[in-house]
Amino acid sequence: MKGFFFSSSLMVCKYSDWLWSSTYSFRQEGKFSDNGGHEFNVSLKMDLTAAQLQTVLTKIRSLVRFVRYDIDEYNCTDFALDVFNELRTNKLTIPLYDVPGGMTAAGTSTPQGLYNQLKAMKQSNE
């Protein structure tokens, strides 16, 4: 499969049924969407073989079963990084930021951190 696409405006998950949970045990259906018409400023493109796509889908299924959503400790940005880093030899890491009201002292993965890292990679031609 060619051109598996990721941008900071397109998060692979949209608080999907497995990912979103709260103290109220609320669960919401998720879906893959084509956000190709949306404006974006940075992106990460990876060309995948059929076998690599299967690896990514297996990773997603594993996350579905074993990871619980938490805005501070495991959110949509963490999910996207886990999925994309499954195939990358040069793992993508991002700066962590404080989330208002957040409890994680070291900071939290955020779309802004992802944007800043992808922008820095683009500027340095990584």
C-alpha atoms as a PDB file:
ATOM      1  CA  MET A   1       0.000   0.000   0.000  1.00  0.00           C
ATOM      2  CA  LYS A   2       1.451   3.361  -0.959  1.00  0.00           C
ATOM      3  CA  GLY A   3       1.070   6.676   0.799  1.00  0.00           C
ATOM      4  CA  PHE A   4      -0.273   5.845   4.265  1.00  0.00           C
ATOM      5  CA  PHE A   5      -0.651   9.431   5.433  1.00  0.00           C
ATOM      6  CA  PHE A   6      -0.550  11.135   8.811  1.00  0.00           C
ATOM      7  CA  SER A   7      -0.783  14.809   9.613  1.00  0.00           C
ATOM      8  CA  SER A   8      -1.039  16.777  12.818  1.00  0.00           C
ATOM      9  CA  SER A   9      -4.631  17.639  11.925  1.00  0.00           C
ATOM     10  CA  LEU A  10      -5.483  13.969  11.319  1.00  0.00           C
ATOM     11  CA  MET A  11      -5.188  11.772  14.327  1.00  0.00           C
ATOM     12  CA  VAL A  12      -5.627   8.095  13.543  1.00  0.00           C
ATOM     13  CA  CYS A  13      -8.074   7.727  16.394  1.00  0.00           C
ATOM     14  CA  LYS A  14     -11.079   9.863  17.105  1.00  0.00           C
ATOM     15  CA  TYR A  15     -11.769   8.770  20.673  1.00  0.00           C
ATOM     16  CA  SER A  16     -12.725   5.378  19.296  1.00  0.00           C
ATOM     17  CA  ASP A  17     -14.801   2.807  21.128  1.00  0.00           C
ATOM     18  CA  TRP A  18     -11.720   1.245  22.734  1.00  0.00           C
ATOM     19  CA  LEU A  19      -9.783   4.406  23.337  1.00  0.00           C
ATOM     20  CA  TRP A  20     -12.237   6.719  25.031  1.00  0.00           C
ATOM     21  CA  SER A  21     -13.225   5.857  28.536  1.00  0.00           C
ATOM     22  CA  SER A  22     -13.788   7.999  31.548  1.00  0.00           C
ATOM     23  CA  THR A  23     -14.891   7.741  35.134  1.00  0.00           C
ATOM     24  CA  TYR A  24     -18.401   7.512  33.670  1.00  0.00           C
ATOM     25  CA  SER A  25     -17.478   4.439  31.559  1.00  0.00           C
ATOM     26  CA  PHE A  26     -18.682   6.237  28.420  1.00  0.00           C
ATOM     27  CA  ARG A  27     -17.697   4.529  25.169  1.00  0.00           C
ATOM     28  CA  GLN A  28     -18.018   5.972  21.677  1.00  0.00           C
ATOM     29  CA  GLU A  29     -17.791   4.311  18.267  1.00  0.00           C
ATOM     30  CA  GLY A  30     -14.718   5.275  16.258  1.00  0.00           C
ATOM     31  CA  LYS A  31     -13.903   5.215  12.577  1.00  0.00           C
ATOM     32  CA  PHE A  32     -11.208   5.806  10.001  1.00  0.00           C
ATOM     33  CA  SER A  33     -11.904   8.951   8.014  1.00  0.00           C
ATOM     34  CA  ASP A  34     -10.481  10.580   4.908  1.00  0.00           C
ATOM     35  CA  ASN A  35      -9.553  14.067   6.061  1.00  0.00           C
ATOM     36  CA  GLY A  36      -7.630  14.742   2.872  1.00  0.00           C
ATOM     37  CA  GLY A  37      -9.652  17.893   2.208  1.00  0.00           C
ATOM     38  CA  HIS A  38      -8.638  19.471   5.515  1.00  0.00           C
ATOM     39  CA  GLU A  39      -5.881  22.045   5.720  1.00  0.00           C
ATOM     40  CA  PHE A  40      -2.671  20.838   7.363  1.00  0.00           C
ATOM     41  CA  ASN A  41       0.733  22.369   7.941  1.00  0.00           C
ATOM     42  CA  VAL A  42       2.947  19.337   8.600  1.00  0.00           C
ATOM     43  CA  SER A  43       2.757  15.678   7.700  1.00  0.00           C
ATOM     44  CA  LEU A  44       4.468  12.337   7.950  1.00  0.00           C
ATOM     45  CA  LYS A  45       4.221  10.026   4.969  1.00  0.00           C
ATOM     46  CA  MET A  46       5.140   6.353   5.081  1.00  0.00           C
ATOM     47  CA  ASP A  47       4.918   3.943   2.143  1.00  0.00           C
ATOM     48  CA  LEU A  48       3.751   0.547   3.395  1.00  0.00           C
ATOM     49  CA  THR A  49       3.786  -2.924   1.948  1.00  0.00           C
ATOM     50  CA  ALA A  50       0.794  -5.194   2.506  1.00  0.00           C
ATOM     51  CA  ALA A  51       2.757  -6.991   5.243  1.00  0.00           C
ATOM     52  CA  GLN A  52       3.568  -3.707   6.980  1.00  0.00           C
ATOM     53  CA  LEU A  53      -0.070  -2.653   6.856  1.00  0.00           C
ATOM     54  CA  GLN A  54      -0.972  -5.963   8.490  1.00  0.00           C
ATOM     55  CA  THR A  55       1.612  -5.247  11.202  1.00  0.00           C
ATOM     56  CA  VAL A  56       0.011  -1.852  11.836  1.00  0.00           C
ATOM     57  CA  LEU A  57      -3.482  -3.380  12.011  1.00  0.00           C
ATOM     58  CA  THR A  58      -2.216  -6.016  14.452  1.00  0.00           C
ATOM     59  CA  LYS A  59      -0.728  -3.251  16.616  1.00  0.00           C
ATOM     60  CA  ILE A  60      -4.048  -1.390  16.585  1.00  0.00           C
ATOM     61  CA  ARG A  61      -5.902  -4.558  17.621  1.00  0.00           C
ATOM     62  CA  SER A  62      -3.444  -5.052  20.476  1.00  0.00           C
ATOM     63  CA  LEU A  63      -3.924  -1.473  21.666  1.00  0.00           C
ATOM     64  CA  VAL A  64      -7.699  -1.952  21.466  1.00  0.00           C
ATOM     65  CA  ARG A  65      -7.493  -4.797  23.936  1.00  0.00           C
ATOM     66  CA  PHE A  66      -4.903  -3.564  26.421  1.00  0.00           C
ATOM     67  CA  VAL A  67      -4.707   0.241  26.550  1.00  0.00           C
ATOM     68  CA  ARG A  68      -7.021   2.544  28.455  1.00  0.00           C
ATOM     69  CA  TYR A  69      -7.444   6.160  27.355  1.00  0.00           C
ATOM     70  CA  ASP A  70      -6.265   8.830  29.770  1.00  0.00           C
ATOM     71  CA  ILE A  71      -5.827  12.457  28.698  1.00  0.00           C
ATOM     72  CA  ASP A  72      -2.564  12.719  30.676  1.00  0.00           C
ATOM     73  CA  GLU A  73      -1.015   9.290  30.285  1.00  0.00           C
ATOM     74  CA  TYR A  74      -2.324   7.705  27.067  1.00  0.00           C
ATOM     75  CA  ASN A  75      -4.280   9.863  24.656  1.00  0.00           C
ATOM     76  CA  CYS A  76      -4.858  10.061  20.900  1.00  0.00           C
ATOM     77  CA  THR A  77      -1.366  11.406  20.262  1.00  0.00           C
ATOM     78  CA  ASP A  78       0.188   8.504  22.180  1.00  0.00           C
ATOM     79  CA  PHE A  79      -1.920   6.089  20.141  1.00  0.00           C
ATOM     80  CA  ALA A  80      -0.800   7.630  16.848  1.00  0.00           C
ATOM     81  CA  LEU A  81       2.861   7.535  17.920  1.00  0.00           C
ATOM     82  CA  ASP A  82       2.604   3.884  18.975  1.00  0.00           C
ATOM     83  CA  VAL A  83       1.026   2.919  15.664  1.00  0.00           C
ATOM     84  CA  PHE A  84       3.513   4.773  13.483  1.00  0.00           C
ATOM     85  CA  ASN A  85       6.541   3.810  15.581  1.00  0.00           C
ATOM     86  CA  GLU A  86       5.620   0.145  15.177  1.00  0.00           C
ATOM     87  CA  LEU A  87       7.298   0.256  11.743  1.00  0.00           C
ATOM     88  CA  ARG A  88       9.857   3.034  12.129  1.00  0.00           C
ATOM     89  CA  THR A  89      13.483   2.231  12.894  1.00  0.00           C
ATOM     90  CA  ASN A  90      14.033   5.894  13.784  1.00  0.00           C
ATOM     91  CA  LYS A  91      11.280   6.195  16.402  1.00  0.00           C
ATOM     92  CA  LEU A  92       9.350   9.456  16.431  1.00  0.00           C
ATOM     93  CA  THR A  93       9.507  11.174  19.812  1.00  0.00           C
ATOM     94  CA  ILE A  94       7.839  14.442  20.649  1.00  0.00           C
ATOM     95  CA  PRO A  95       8.180  17.148  23.296  1.00  0.00           C
ATOM     96  CA  LEU A  96       5.795  16.793  26.219  1.00  0.00           C
ATOM     97  CA  TYR A  97       3.715  19.721  27.457  1.00  0.00           C
ATOM     98  CA  ASP A  98       1.720  20.475  30.570  1.00  0.00           C
ATOM     99  CA  VAL A  99      -2.021  20.102  30.129  1.00  0.00           C
ATOM    100  CA  PRO A 100      -4.133  22.516  32.226  1.00  0.00           C
ATOM    101  CA  GLY A 101      -5.375  20.543  35.204  1.00  0.00           C
ATOM    102  CA  GLY A 102      -3.176  17.605  34.229  1.00  0.00           C
ATOM    103  CA  MET A 103      -1.600  15.380  36.847  1.00  0.00           C
ATOM    104  CA  THR A 104       1.458  14.085  34.953  1.00  0.00           C
ATOM    105  CA  ALA A 105       4.551  15.864  36.269  1.00  0.00           C
ATOM    106  CA  ALA A 106       6.711  15.020  33.228  1.00  0.00           C
ATOM    107  CA  GLY A 107       4.180  16.455  30.771  1.00  0.00           C
ATOM    108  CA  THR A 108       1.752  14.960  28.297  1.00  0.00           C
ATOM    109  CA  SER A 109       1.836  14.023  24.616  1.00  0.00           C
ATOM    110  CA  THR A 110      -0.231  16.579  22.724  1.00  0.00           C
ATOM    111  CA  PRO A 111      -1.107  17.345  19.095  1.00  0.00           C
ATOM    112  CA  GLN A 112       0.942  20.548  19.555  1.00  0.00           C
ATOM    113  CA  GLY A 113       4.021  18.532  20.540  1.00  0.00           C
ATOM    114  CA  LEU A 114       3.520  16.309  17.507  1.00  0.00           C
ATOM    115  CA  TYR A 115       3.125  19.353  15.258  1.00  0.00           C
ATOM    116  CA  ASN A 116       6.290  20.942  16.646  1.00  0.00           C
ATOM    117  CA  GLN A 117       8.319  17.756  16.110  1.00  0.00           C
ATOM    118  CA  LEU A 118       7.051  17.204  12.551  1.00  0.00           C
ATOM    119  CA  LYS A 119       7.730  20.861  11.738  1.00  0.00           C
ATOM    120  CA  ALA A 120      11.289  20.555  13.098  1.00  0.00           C
ATOM    121  CA  MET A 121      11.814  17.381  11.050  1.00  0.00           C
ATOM    122  CA  LYS A 122      10.598  19.142   7.918  1.00  0.00           C
ATOM    123  CA  GLN A 123      12.920  22.087   8.511  1.00  0.00           C
ATOM    124  CA  SER A 124      15.913  19.767   8.964  1.00  0.00           C
ATOM    125  CA  ASN A 125      14.831  17.557   5.998  1.00  0.00           C
ATOM    126  CA  GLU A 126      14.464  14.386   8.142  1.00  0.00           C
END
